[in-house]
N, C-alpha and C. Protein backbone atom coordinates (compact mmCIF):
# COMPACT_ATOMS: atom_id res chain seq x y z
N MET A 1 0.68 -1.10 0.03
CA MET A 1 -0.02 -0.11 -0.06
C MET A 1 0.93 1.05 0.02
N LYS A 2 0.48 2.36 -0.69
CA LYS A 2 1.21 3.45 -0.86
C LYS A 2 0.54 4.50 -0.30
N LEU A 3 1.18 5.36 0.65
CA LEU A 3 0.53 6.38 1.31
C LEU A 3 1.32 7.75 1.34
N GLN A 4 0.65 8.73 1.22
CA GLN A 4 1.61 10.09 1.06
C GLN A 4 0.89 11.01 2.18
N LEU A 5 1.98 11.41 3.00
CA LEU A 5 1.49 12.28 4.08
C LEU A 5 2.18 13.96 3.86
N THR A 6 1.40 14.91 4.40
CA THR A 6 2.14 16.16 4.20
C THR A 6 2.40 16.52 5.58
N VAL A 7 3.73 16.72 6.02
CA VAL A 7 4.38 17.07 7.17
C VAL A 7 4.92 18.57 6.95
N PRO A 8 4.28 19.52 7.46
CA PRO A 8 4.52 20.89 7.04
C PRO A 8 5.85 21.37 7.84
N SER A 9 6.11 20.79 8.96
CA SER A 9 7.04 21.20 9.95
C SER A 9 8.31 20.47 9.73
N MET A 10 8.27 19.63 8.73
CA MET A 10 9.55 18.92 8.08
C MET A 10 10.36 20.14 7.53
N ALA A 11 11.59 20.33 8.01
CA ALA A 11 12.38 21.49 7.33
C ALA A 11 13.65 21.23 6.99
N CYS A 12 14.31 19.84 7.19
CA CYS A 12 15.73 19.33 6.90
C CYS A 12 15.93 18.02 6.71
N GLY A 13 17.01 17.51 6.39
CA GLY A 13 17.45 16.22 6.19
C GLY A 13 17.14 15.63 7.44
N ALA A 14 17.43 16.22 8.63
CA ALA A 14 17.54 15.66 9.87
C ALA A 14 16.08 15.29 10.20
N CYS A 15 15.11 16.25 10.08
CA CYS A 15 13.60 15.82 10.26
C CYS A 15 13.10 14.87 9.21
N ALA A 16 13.70 14.81 8.03
CA ALA A 16 13.25 13.47 7.26
C ALA A 16 13.69 12.34 7.95
N GLU A 17 15.02 12.26 8.38
CA GLU A 17 15.47 10.92 9.06
C GLU A 17 14.71 10.58 10.28
N THR A 18 14.45 11.54 10.99
CA THR A 18 13.50 11.44 12.28
C THR A 18 12.19 10.68 11.90
N ILE A 19 11.69 11.20 11.07
CA ILE A 19 10.39 10.77 10.51
C ILE A 19 10.38 9.12 9.80
N THR A 20 11.52 9.05 9.00
CA THR A 20 11.68 7.87 8.36
C THR A 20 11.91 6.81 9.68
N LYS A 21 12.72 7.31 10.64
CA LYS A 21 13.06 6.26 11.59
C LYS A 21 11.55 5.90 12.41
N ALA A 22 10.84 6.84 12.81
CA ALA A 22 9.43 6.83 13.31
C ALA A 22 8.70 5.80 12.53
N ILE A 23 8.34 5.96 11.33
CA ILE A 23 7.76 5.11 10.32
C ILE A 23 8.25 3.52 10.43
N GLN A 24 9.36 3.57 10.33
CA GLN A 24 10.18 2.13 10.50
C GLN A 24 9.98 1.46 11.64
N ALA A 25 9.80 2.21 12.55
CA ALA A 25 9.59 1.70 14.21
C ALA A 25 8.25 0.83 14.05
N VAL A 26 7.47 1.44 13.09
CA VAL A 26 5.79 0.82 13.11
C VAL A 26 6.20 -0.25 11.97
N ASP A 27 6.67 0.06 10.75
CA ASP A 27 6.89 -1.31 9.95
C ASP A 27 8.51 -1.10 9.40
N ALA A 28 9.10 -2.10 9.98
CA ALA A 28 10.51 -2.25 9.68
C ALA A 28 10.81 -2.37 8.14
N LYS A 29 10.04 -2.86 7.42
CA LYS A 29 10.27 -3.04 5.96
C LYS A 29 9.72 -1.80 5.03
N ALA A 30 9.14 -0.78 5.74
CA ALA A 30 8.57 0.46 4.85
C ALA A 30 9.61 1.01 4.05
N GLN A 31 9.07 1.21 2.88
CA GLN A 31 9.90 2.20 2.22
C GLN A 31 9.54 3.80 2.09
N VAL A 32 10.41 4.58 2.86
CA VAL A 32 10.07 5.98 2.98
C VAL A 32 10.90 6.97 2.15
N ASP A 33 10.28 7.92 1.57
CA ASP A 33 10.91 8.89 0.73
C ASP A 33 10.23 10.08 1.37
N ALA A 34 11.21 10.84 2.25
CA ALA A 34 10.63 12.04 3.04
C ALA A 34 11.55 13.18 2.50
N ASP A 35 10.75 14.26 1.93
CA ASP A 35 11.26 15.58 1.02
C ASP A 35 11.15 16.67 1.51
N PRO A 36 12.14 17.20 2.50
CA PRO A 36 11.81 18.47 3.28
C PRO A 36 11.50 19.67 2.06
N GLN A 37 11.91 19.53 0.96
CA GLN A 37 11.57 20.58 -0.09
C GLN A 37 10.00 20.79 -0.07
N THR A 38 9.28 19.37 -0.59
CA THR A 38 7.82 19.47 -0.98
C THR A 38 7.00 19.21 0.45
N LYS A 39 7.79 18.64 1.58
CA LYS A 39 7.05 18.54 2.74
C LYS A 39 6.21 17.13 2.51
N LEU A 40 6.36 16.43 1.77
CA LEU A 40 5.80 15.16 1.46
C LEU A 40 6.51 14.01 1.92
N VAL A 41 5.82 13.03 2.32
CA VAL A 41 6.42 11.76 2.94
C VAL A 41 5.49 10.69 2.05
N VAL A 42 6.38 10.07 1.06
CA VAL A 42 5.83 8.97 0.46
C VAL A 42 6.29 7.62 1.11
N ILE A 43 5.31 6.62 1.42
CA ILE A 43 5.59 5.51 2.10
C ILE A 43 4.88 4.41 1.32
N GLU A 44 5.70 3.14 1.41
CA GLU A 44 5.17 1.87 0.76
C GLU A 44 5.14 0.90 2.06
N THR A 45 4.04 0.42 2.43
CA THR A 45 3.95 -0.22 3.77
C THR A 45 2.94 -1.06 3.68
N SER A 46 2.87 -1.73 4.48
CA SER A 46 1.90 -2.86 4.97
C SER A 46 1.08 -2.24 6.25
N ALA A 47 1.56 -1.39 6.87
CA ALA A 47 1.21 -0.92 8.11
C ALA A 47 -0.24 0.07 7.74
N ALA A 48 -0.87 0.01 8.89
CA ALA A 48 -2.26 0.82 8.96
C ALA A 48 -1.92 2.32 8.83
N GLU A 49 -2.47 3.18 7.88
CA GLU A 49 -2.38 4.69 7.92
C GLU A 49 -2.36 5.46 9.17
N PRO A 50 -3.54 5.04 10.13
CA PRO A 50 -3.41 5.64 11.22
C PRO A 50 -2.37 5.44 12.43
N ALA A 51 -1.85 4.20 12.30
CA ALA A 51 -0.63 4.07 13.26
C ALA A 51 0.68 4.74 12.41
N LEU A 52 0.69 4.79 11.46
CA LEU A 52 2.02 5.58 10.83
C LEU A 52 1.81 7.13 11.16
N LYS A 53 0.60 7.64 11.11
CA LYS A 53 0.43 9.09 11.39
C LYS A 53 0.63 9.28 12.84
N SER A 54 0.41 8.31 13.67
CA SER A 54 0.36 8.61 15.25
C SER A 54 1.89 8.59 15.32
N ALA A 55 2.76 7.91 14.78
CA ALA A 55 4.11 7.60 14.76
C ALA A 55 4.97 8.81 14.56
N VAL A 56 4.29 9.38 13.27
CA VAL A 56 4.92 10.67 13.15
C VAL A 56 4.92 11.72 13.67
N GLU A 57 3.57 11.79 14.19
CA GLU A 57 3.30 12.86 15.41
C GLU A 57 3.72 12.78 16.72
N ALA A 58 3.88 11.40 17.29
CA ALA A 58 4.47 11.06 18.18
C ALA A 58 5.98 11.57 18.23
N ALA A 59 6.73 11.63 17.23
CA ALA A 59 8.11 12.10 16.72
C ALA A 59 8.07 13.57 16.80
N GLY A 60 7.03 13.94 16.96
CA GLY A 60 7.19 15.58 17.18
C GLY A 60 6.66 16.25 15.46
N TYR A 61 6.21 15.52 14.56
CA TYR A 61 5.72 16.15 13.52
C TYR A 61 4.41 16.25 12.95
N PRO A 62 3.52 17.35 13.34
CA PRO A 62 2.08 16.95 13.13
C PRO A 62 1.70 16.74 11.47
N VAL A 63 0.74 15.74 11.11
CA VAL A 63 0.39 15.41 9.97
C VAL A 63 -0.62 16.22 9.48
N SER A 64 -0.73 17.02 8.49
CA SER A 64 -1.75 17.63 7.98
C SER A 64 -2.41 16.99 6.83
């Protein structure tokens, strides 16, 4: 399943790395492409969307 999340507070590569780690804590096999320029996170995963959103928000990055 492919998901796309918008994370307005993602500002740099370190933010993208933190978000990627939060997602991979939920689904270790998830393919994550976090782009600070576009504020988009594209995820190829088998995990449920609410669980991924919760993980990103728990890492300090609200999802819009």
